[in-house]
C-alpha atoms as a PDB file:
ATOM      1  CA  MET A   1       6.115  23.264  -6.879  1.00  0.00           C
ATOM      2  CA  HIS A   2       3.380  20.666  -7.226  1.00  0.00           C
ATOM      3  CA  VAL A   3       1.621  18.704  -4.472  1.00  0.00           C
ATOM      4  CA  ASP A   4       2.357  15.319  -6.023  1.00  0.00           C
ATOM      5  CA  HIS A   5       1.100  12.487  -3.838  1.00  0.00           C
ATOM      6  CA  MET A   6       0.011  11.273  -0.425  1.00  0.00           C
ATOM      7  CA  ILE A   7       1.595   8.177   1.110  1.00  0.00           C
ATOM      8  CA  PHE A   8      -0.376   5.625   3.145  1.00  0.00           C
ATOM      9  CA  ALA A   9       1.488   2.819   4.921  1.00  0.00           C
ATOM     10  CA  SER A  10      -0.390  -0.475   5.029  1.00  0.00           C
ATOM     11  CA  GLY A  11      -1.448  -1.940   8.359  1.00  0.00           C
ATOM     12  CA  PRO A  12      -1.721  -5.501   9.677  1.00  0.00           C
ATOM     13  CA  GLU A  13      -4.191  -6.615   6.976  1.00  0.00           C
ATOM     14  CA  GLY A  14      -1.660  -5.873   4.221  1.00  0.00           C
ATOM     15  CA  ILE A  15      -1.388  -3.666   1.183  1.00  0.00           C
ATOM     16  CA  LYS A  16      -4.174  -5.253  -0.858  1.00  0.00           C
ATOM     17  CA  ALA A  17      -6.762  -4.877   1.896  1.00  0.00           C
ATOM     18  CA  ASP A  18      -5.840  -1.244   2.529  1.00  0.00           C
ATOM     19  CA  ALA A  19      -5.730  -0.400  -1.180  1.00  0.00           C
ATOM     20  CA  GLU A  20      -9.167  -1.957  -1.647  1.00  0.00           C
ATOM     21  CA  ARG A  21     -10.582  -0.090   1.366  1.00  0.00           C
ATOM     22  CA  LEU A  22      -9.244   3.291   0.230  1.00  0.00           C
ATOM     23  CA  SER A  23     -10.324   2.611  -3.351  1.00  0.00           C
ATOM     24  CA  ASN A  24     -13.853   1.822  -2.196  1.00  0.00           C
ATOM     25  CA  LEU A  25     -13.979   4.972  -0.089  1.00  0.00           C
ATOM     26  CA  LEU A  26     -12.804   7.132  -2.980  1.00  0.00           C
ATOM     27  CA  GLY A  27     -14.637   5.254  -5.712  1.00  0.00           C
ATOM     28  CA  VAL A  28     -11.455   4.848  -7.766  1.00  0.00           C
ATOM     29  CA  ASP A  29      -9.805   1.590  -8.841  1.00  0.00           C
ATOM     30  CA  TYR A  30      -6.239   1.056  -7.671  1.00  0.00           C
ATOM     31  CA  LYS A  31      -3.340  -0.174  -9.784  1.00  0.00           C
ATOM     32  CA  ASP A  32      -0.516  -2.508  -8.791  1.00  0.00           C
ATOM     33  CA  GLY A  33       2.505  -0.224  -9.022  1.00  0.00           C
ATOM     34  CA  GLY A  34       5.194  -2.855  -8.545  1.00  0.00           C
ATOM     35  CA  PHE A  35       8.169  -2.660  -6.176  1.00  0.00           C
ATOM     36  CA  HIS A  36      11.032  -0.331  -5.239  1.00  0.00           C
ATOM     37  CA  PRO A  37      14.252  -2.379  -5.451  1.00  0.00           C
ATOM     38  CA  ARG A  38      16.328   0.302  -3.698  1.00  0.00           C
ATOM     39  CA  PHE A  39      13.909   0.684  -0.792  1.00  0.00           C
ATOM     40  CA  GLY A  40      12.592  -2.819  -0.149  1.00  0.00           C
ATOM     41  CA  THR A  41       8.959  -1.744  -0.574  1.00  0.00           C
ATOM     42  CA  ARG A  42       6.091  -2.165  -3.011  1.00  0.00           C
ATOM     43  CA  ASN A  43       3.089   0.010  -3.758  1.00  0.00           C
ATOM     44  CA  HIS A  44      -0.383   0.310  -5.196  1.00  0.00           C
ATOM     45  CA  ILE A  45      -1.495   3.534  -6.882  1.00  0.00           C
ATOM     46  CA  ILE A  46      -4.896   5.235  -6.554  1.00  0.00           C
ATOM     47  CA  PRO A  47      -5.117   7.923  -9.267  1.00  0.00           C
ATOM     48  CA  LEU A  48      -6.513  11.366  -8.497  1.00  0.00           C
ATOM     49  CA  ALA A  49      -7.286  14.455 -10.548  1.00  0.00           C
ATOM     50  CA  ASP A  50      -4.743  17.251 -11.133  1.00  0.00           C
ATOM     51  CA  ALA A  51      -1.784  14.904 -11.694  1.00  0.00           C
ATOM     52  CA  ARG A  52      -1.872  13.603  -8.103  1.00  0.00           C
ATOM     53  CA  TYR A  53      -2.279  10.176  -6.545  1.00  0.00           C
ATOM     54  CA  VAL A  54      -2.429   8.198  -3.326  1.00  0.00           C
ATOM     55  CA  GLU A  55       0.419   5.725  -2.854  1.00  0.00           C
ATOM     56  CA  VAL A  56      -0.390   2.746  -0.650  1.00  0.00           C
ATOM     57  CA  VAL A  57       2.918   1.185   0.351  1.00  0.00           C
ATOM     58  CA  GLU A  58       4.113  -1.940   2.133  1.00  0.00           C
ATOM     59  CA  VAL A  59       7.565  -2.992   3.320  1.00  0.00           C
ATOM     60  CA  LEU A  60       9.022  -6.247   1.970  1.00  0.00           C
ATOM     61  CA  ASP A  61      11.120  -8.865   3.678  1.00  0.00           C
ATOM     62  CA  HIS A  62      14.201  -7.623   1.866  1.00  0.00           C
ATOM     63  CA  PRO A  63      17.640  -6.397   3.054  1.00  0.00           C
ATOM     64  CA  ALA A  64      17.122  -3.045   1.302  1.00  0.00           C
ATOM     65  CA  ALA A  65      14.227  -2.249   3.645  1.00  0.00           C
ATOM     66  CA  ASP A  66      16.587  -2.335   6.634  1.00  0.00           C
ATOM     67  CA  LYS A  67      19.016   0.137   5.047  1.00  0.00           C
ATOM     68  CA  ALA A  68      16.910   2.583   3.043  1.00  0.00           C
ATOM     69  CA  PRO A  69      15.248   5.455   4.951  1.00  0.00           C
ATOM     70  CA  PHE A  70      12.007   4.958   3.022  1.00  0.00           C
ATOM     71  CA  GLY A  71      11.841   1.275   3.875  1.00  0.00           C
ATOM     72  CA  GLN A  72      12.589   2.039   7.518  1.00  0.00           C
ATOM     73  CA  ALA A  73       9.855   4.686   7.620  1.00  0.00           C
ATOM     74  CA  VAL A  74       7.260   2.398   6.043  1.00  0.00           C
ATOM     75  CA  ARG A  75       8.106  -0.414   8.457  1.00  0.00           C
ATOM     76  CA  ALA A  76       7.875   1.894  11.484  1.00  0.00           C
ATOM     77  CA  ARG A  77       4.476   3.304  10.438  1.00  0.00           C
ATOM     78  CA  SER A  78       3.094  -0.131   9.583  1.00  0.00           C
ATOM     79  CA  GLU A  79       4.184  -1.482  12.959  1.00  0.00           C
ATOM     80  CA  MET A  80       2.165   1.352  14.534  1.00  0.00           C
ATOM     81  CA  GLY A  81      -0.923   0.029  12.748  1.00  0.00           C
ATOM     82  CA  GLY A  82      -0.547   1.787   9.405  1.00  0.00           C
ATOM     83  CA  GLY A  83      -2.010   5.060   8.177  1.00  0.00           C
ATOM     84  CA  TRP A  84      -0.810   8.291   6.619  1.00  0.00           C
ATOM     85  CA  LEU A  85       2.965   8.240   6.382  1.00  0.00           C
ATOM     86  CA  GLY A  86       3.654  11.525   4.626  1.00  0.00           C
ATOM     87  CA  TRP A  87       3.395  13.508   1.420  1.00  0.00           C
ATOM     88  CA  ALA A  88       5.564  14.579  -1.504  1.00  0.00           C
ATOM     89  CA  VAL A  89       5.935  17.615  -3.734  1.00  0.00           C
ATOM     90  CA  SER A  90       7.427  17.436  -7.228  1.00  0.00           C
ATOM     91  CA  VAL A  91       9.730  20.054  -8.726  1.00  0.00           C
ATOM     92  CA  ASP A  92      11.150  20.531 -12.202  1.00  0.00           C
ATOM     93  CA  ASP A  93      14.706  20.954 -10.902  1.00  0.00           C
ATOM     94  CA  ILE A  94      15.759  19.572  -7.536  1.00  0.00           C
ATOM     95  CA  SER A  95      19.258  21.095  -7.570  1.00  0.00           C
ATOM     96  CA  PRO A  96      18.289  24.446  -5.945  1.00  0.00           C
ATOM     97  CA  PHE A  97      16.782  22.489  -3.048  1.00  0.00           C
ATOM     98  CA  GLU A  98      19.953  20.404  -2.739  1.00  0.00           C
ATOM     99  CA  GLU A  99      21.981  23.608  -2.515  1.00  0.00           C
ATOM    100  CA  ARG A 100      19.674  25.383  -0.059  1.00  0.00           C
ATOM    101  CA  LEU A 101      19.271  22.373   2.241  1.00  0.00           C
ATOM    102  CA  ALA A 102      22.930  21.336   1.897  1.00  0.00           C
ATOM    103  CA  ARG A 103      22.172  17.718   1.082  1.00  0.00           C
ATOM    104  CA  SER A 104      22.140  15.564  -2.041  1.00  0.00           C
ATOM    105  CA  ALA A 105      19.167  13.962  -3.744  1.00  0.00           C
ATOM    106  CA  VAL A 106      19.257  10.198  -4.204  1.00  0.00           C
ATOM    107  CA  PRO A 107      17.920   8.108  -7.101  1.00  0.00           C
ATOM    108  CA  GLY A 108      14.660   6.230  -6.800  1.00  0.00           C
ATOM    109  CA  THR A 109      13.299   3.478  -9.014  1.00  0.00           C
ATOM    110  CA  ARG A 110      10.151   1.408  -9.269  1.00  0.00           C
ATOM    111  CA  GLN A 111       9.835  -1.797 -11.263  1.00  0.00           C
ATOM    112  CA  PHE A 112       6.402  -2.237 -12.819  1.00  0.00           C
ATOM    113  CA  PRO A 113       4.788  -5.702 -12.826  1.00  0.00           C
ATOM    114  CA  ASP A 114       5.278  -5.777 -16.614  1.00  0.00           C
ATOM    115  CA  GLY A 115       9.006  -5.041 -16.314  1.00  0.00           C
ATOM    116  CA  ARG A 116       8.999  -1.333 -17.140  1.00  0.00           C
ATOM    117  CA  ARG A 117      11.091   0.928 -14.923  1.00  0.00           C
ATOM    118  CA  LEU A 118      10.191   4.322 -13.430  1.00  0.00           C
ATOM    119  CA  GLU A 119      13.011   6.639 -12.313  1.00  0.00           C
ATOM    120  CA  TRP A 120      13.203   9.814 -10.241  1.00  0.00           C
ATOM    121  CA  ARG A 121      15.405  11.695  -7.770  1.00  0.00           C
ATOM    122  CA  GLN A 122      14.267  12.438  -4.226  1.00  0.00           C
ATOM    123  CA  LEU A 123      15.335  14.560  -1.296  1.00  0.00           C
ATOM    124  CA  GLY A 124      14.227  14.652   2.338  1.00  0.00           C
ATOM    125  CA  VAL A 125      12.843  11.135   2.797  1.00  0.00           C
ATOM    126  CA  LYS A 126      14.486  10.770   6.220  1.00  0.00           C
ATOM    127  CA  GLY A 127      11.978  13.340   7.451  1.00  0.00           C
ATOM    128  CA  LEU A 128       9.218  10.736   7.129  1.00  0.00           C
ATOM    129  CA  MET A 129      10.474   9.446  10.473  1.00  0.00           C
ATOM    130  CA  THR A 130      11.979  12.529  12.126  1.00  0.00           C
ATOM    131  CA  ASP A 131       9.518  15.252  11.064  1.00  0.00           C
ATOM    132  CA  PRO A 132       6.671  13.870   8.916  1.00  0.00           C
ATOM    133  CA  GLN A 133       4.838  17.184   8.730  1.00  0.00           C
ATOM    134  CA  LEU A 134       7.345  18.024   5.965  1.00  0.00           C
ATOM    135  CA  PRO A 135       6.973  16.681   2.421  1.00  0.00           C
ATOM    136  CA  PHE A 136       9.922  15.229   0.578  1.00  0.00           C
ATOM    137  CA  PHE A 137      10.928  16.527  -2.847  1.00  0.00           C
ATOM    138  CA  VAL A 138      10.732  14.541  -6.090  1.00  0.00           C
ATOM    139  CA  GLN A 139      12.102  15.308  -9.524  1.00  0.00           C
ATOM    140  CA  TRP A 140      10.727  12.863 -12.074  1.00  0.00           C
ATOM    141  CA  VAL A 141      13.295  11.524 -14.545  1.00  0.00           C
ATOM    142  CA  SER A 142      11.264   9.085 -16.635  1.00  0.00           C
ATOM    143  CA  GLU A 143       8.983  10.247 -19.426  1.00  0.00           C
ATOM    144  CA  GLU A 144       5.491  11.388 -18.472  1.00  0.00           C
ATOM    145  CA  LEU A 145       3.873   8.243 -19.871  1.00  0.00           C
ATOM    146  CA  LEU A 146       5.495   6.158 -17.117  1.00  0.00           C
ATOM    147  CA  ARG A 147       4.745   8.512 -14.231  1.00  0.00           C
ATOM    148  CA  PRO A 148       1.860   7.923 -11.835  1.00  0.00           C
ATOM    149  CA  SER A 149       0.310  11.191 -13.044  1.00  0.00           C
ATOM    150  CA  ALA A 150      -0.372   9.446 -16.377  1.00  0.00           C
ATOM    151  CA  LEU A 151      -3.199   7.728 -14.491  1.00  0.00           C
ATOM    152  CA  THR A 152      -6.095   9.983 -13.575  1.00  0.00           C
ATOM    153  CA  SER A 153      -9.572  10.080 -12.079  1.00  0.00           C
ATOM    154  CA  ASP A 154     -12.221  12.674 -11.256  1.00  0.00           C
ATOM    155  CA  VAL A 155     -11.530  12.558  -7.499  1.00  0.00           C
ATOM    156  CA  SER A 156      -9.489  15.513  -6.254  1.00  0.00           C
ATOM    157  CA  LEU A 157      -7.399  16.123  -3.137  1.00  0.00           C
ATOM    158  CA  THR A 158      -8.807  19.292  -1.595  1.00  0.00           C
ATOM    159  CA  SER A 159      -7.081  19.649   1.781  1.00  0.00           C
ATOM    160  CA  VAL A 160      -4.651  18.045   4.190  1.00  0.00           C
ATOM    161  CA  ARG A 161      -4.801  18.405   7.967  1.00  0.00           C
ATOM    162  CA  ILE A 162      -1.300  18.454   9.422  1.00  0.00           C
ATOM    163  CA  SER A 163       0.000  18.505  12.965  1.00  0.00           C
ATOM    164  CA  GLY A 164       2.857  20.952  12.485  1.00  0.00           C
ATOM    165  CA  SER A 165       4.105  24.481  12.046  1.00  0.00           C
ATOM    166  CA  ALA A 166       3.520  26.823   9.110  1.00  0.00           C
ATOM    167  CA  ASP A 167       6.859  28.495   9.857  1.00  0.00           C
ATOM    168  CA  ARG A 168       8.721  25.185   9.800  1.00  0.00           C
ATOM    169  CA  LEU A 169       6.981  24.123   6.596  1.00  0.00           C
ATOM    170  CA  SER A 170       7.707  27.466   4.931  1.00  0.00           C
ATOM    171  CA  GLU A 171      11.369  27.258   5.926  1.00  0.00           C
ATOM    172  CA  TRP A 172      11.632  23.746   4.488  1.00  0.00           C
ATOM    173  CA  LEU A 173       9.919  24.567   1.194  1.00  0.00           C
ATOM    174  CA  GLY A 174      11.748  27.853   0.755  1.00  0.00           C
ATOM    175  CA  GLU A 175       8.542  29.809   0.206  1.00  0.00           C
ATOM    176  CA  PRO A 176       5.832  31.118   2.523  1.00  0.00           C
ATOM    177  CA  VAL A 177       2.966  28.736   3.205  1.00  0.00           C
ATOM    178  CA  GLU A 178      -0.212  30.256   4.545  1.00  0.00           C
ATOM    179  CA  GLN A 179      -3.488  28.493   3.809  1.00  0.00           C
ATOM    180  CA  ASP A 180      -2.756  26.476   0.708  1.00  0.00           C
ATOM    181  CA  LEU A 181      -0.074  25.057  -1.560  1.00  0.00           C
ATOM    182  CA  ASP A 182      -0.648  24.405  -5.258  1.00  0.00           C
ATOM    183  CA  GLY A 183      -4.404  24.581  -4.788  1.00  0.00           C
ATOM    184  CA  VAL A 184      -4.482  22.174  -1.824  1.00  0.00           C
ATOM    185  CA  ILE A 185      -5.643  23.678   1.473  1.00  0.00           C
ATOM    186  CA  LEU A 186      -3.199  23.040   4.325  1.00  0.00           C
ATOM    187  CA  ASP A 187      -4.915  22.950   7.697  1.00  0.00           C
ATOM    188  CA  LEU A 188      -1.993  23.246  10.119  1.00  0.00           C
ATOM    189  CA  VAL A 189      -2.709  22.668  13.784  1.00  0.00           C
ATOM    190  CA  ALA A 190      -0.335  22.913  16.716  1.00  0.00           C
ATOM    191  CA  PRO A 191       1.322  19.543  17.354  1.00  0.00           C
ATOM    192  CA  ASN A 192      -0.265  17.485  20.111  1.00  0.00           C
ATOM    193  CA  GLY A 193       2.458  14.890  20.255  1.00  0.00           C
ATOM    194  CA  HIS A 194       4.327  13.809  17.125  1.00  0.00           C
ATOM    195  CA  PRO A 195       3.905  16.028  14.014  1.00  0.00           C
ATOM    196  CA  GLY A 196       2.564  14.543  10.809  1.00  0.00           C
ATOM    197  CA  ILE A 197      -0.470  13.985   8.595  1.00  0.00           C
ATOM    198  CA  ILE A 198      -3.731  13.768  10.529  1.00  0.00           C
ATOM    199  CA  SER A 199      -6.191  13.387   7.648  1.00  0.00           C
ATOM    200  CA  ALA A 200      -6.758  14.127   3.978  1.00  0.00           C
ATOM    201  CA  VAL A 201      -9.961  15.432   2.397  1.00  0.00           C
ATOM    202  CA  PHE A 202     -11.031  14.502  -1.118  1.00  0.00           C
ATOM    203  CA  HIS A 203     -13.901  15.540  -3.374  1.00  0.00           C
ATOM    204  CA  SER A 204     -15.733  13.087  -5.618  1.00  0.00           C
ATOM    205  CA  PRO A 205     -18.385  14.251  -8.118  1.00  0.00           C
ATOM    206  CA  SER A 206     -20.448  11.181  -7.223  1.00  0.00           C
ATOM    207  CA  LYS A 207     -19.664  10.804  -3.499  1.00  0.00           C
ATOM    208  CA  GLY A 208     -19.074  14.360  -2.371  1.00  0.00           C
ATOM    209  CA  THR A 209     -16.610  15.053   0.449  1.00  0.00           C
ATOM    210  CA  ILE A 210     -14.524  12.112   1.678  1.00  0.00           C
ATOM    211  CA  VAL A 211     -12.318  12.365   4.769  1.00  0.00           C
ATOM    212  CA  ILE A 212      -9.642   9.727   5.362  1.00  0.00           C
END
């Protein structure tokens, strides 16, 4: 199980402004990732080390955004002013998680600006609205060259501060979570209101510790 990416919903200034701000903070250039035709959203990618990335996402004025759970979640977070929406873990085989959680994964696609198409399967996206302390699961389908992890930088994700429960997270993942997952420290604090991502900490060789 791999901590794959962090998701940041754009605020009132829009996706480009937020991508530029986060890129400047991290010292890493962002890439235009294209749009998700099934979800009614588009994204920009900020590459990280260790096959991880930050996804900055914005909802589109598109009918799919009103129907797809991901589009609904992005819209809701953006209307709150934007910020950390959630996180995702990737797995080699999503079927055991489908069986254990008694739900089916759904296909996801992203159309690159140059016309290429990225495909994956995902599970648990509805939790971005109901219980955003929990990551959703991703199984990448497309070849590695097309995946966001093909982009890289020397900035690493070191820890994530989460309003939530270690027991609930462990139950969801199907394995005990104590202080870290896949080399990323998880700082779980008792919920004071709605659970979810409070902040993420990164390390840059040139900038040192960066908290967003």
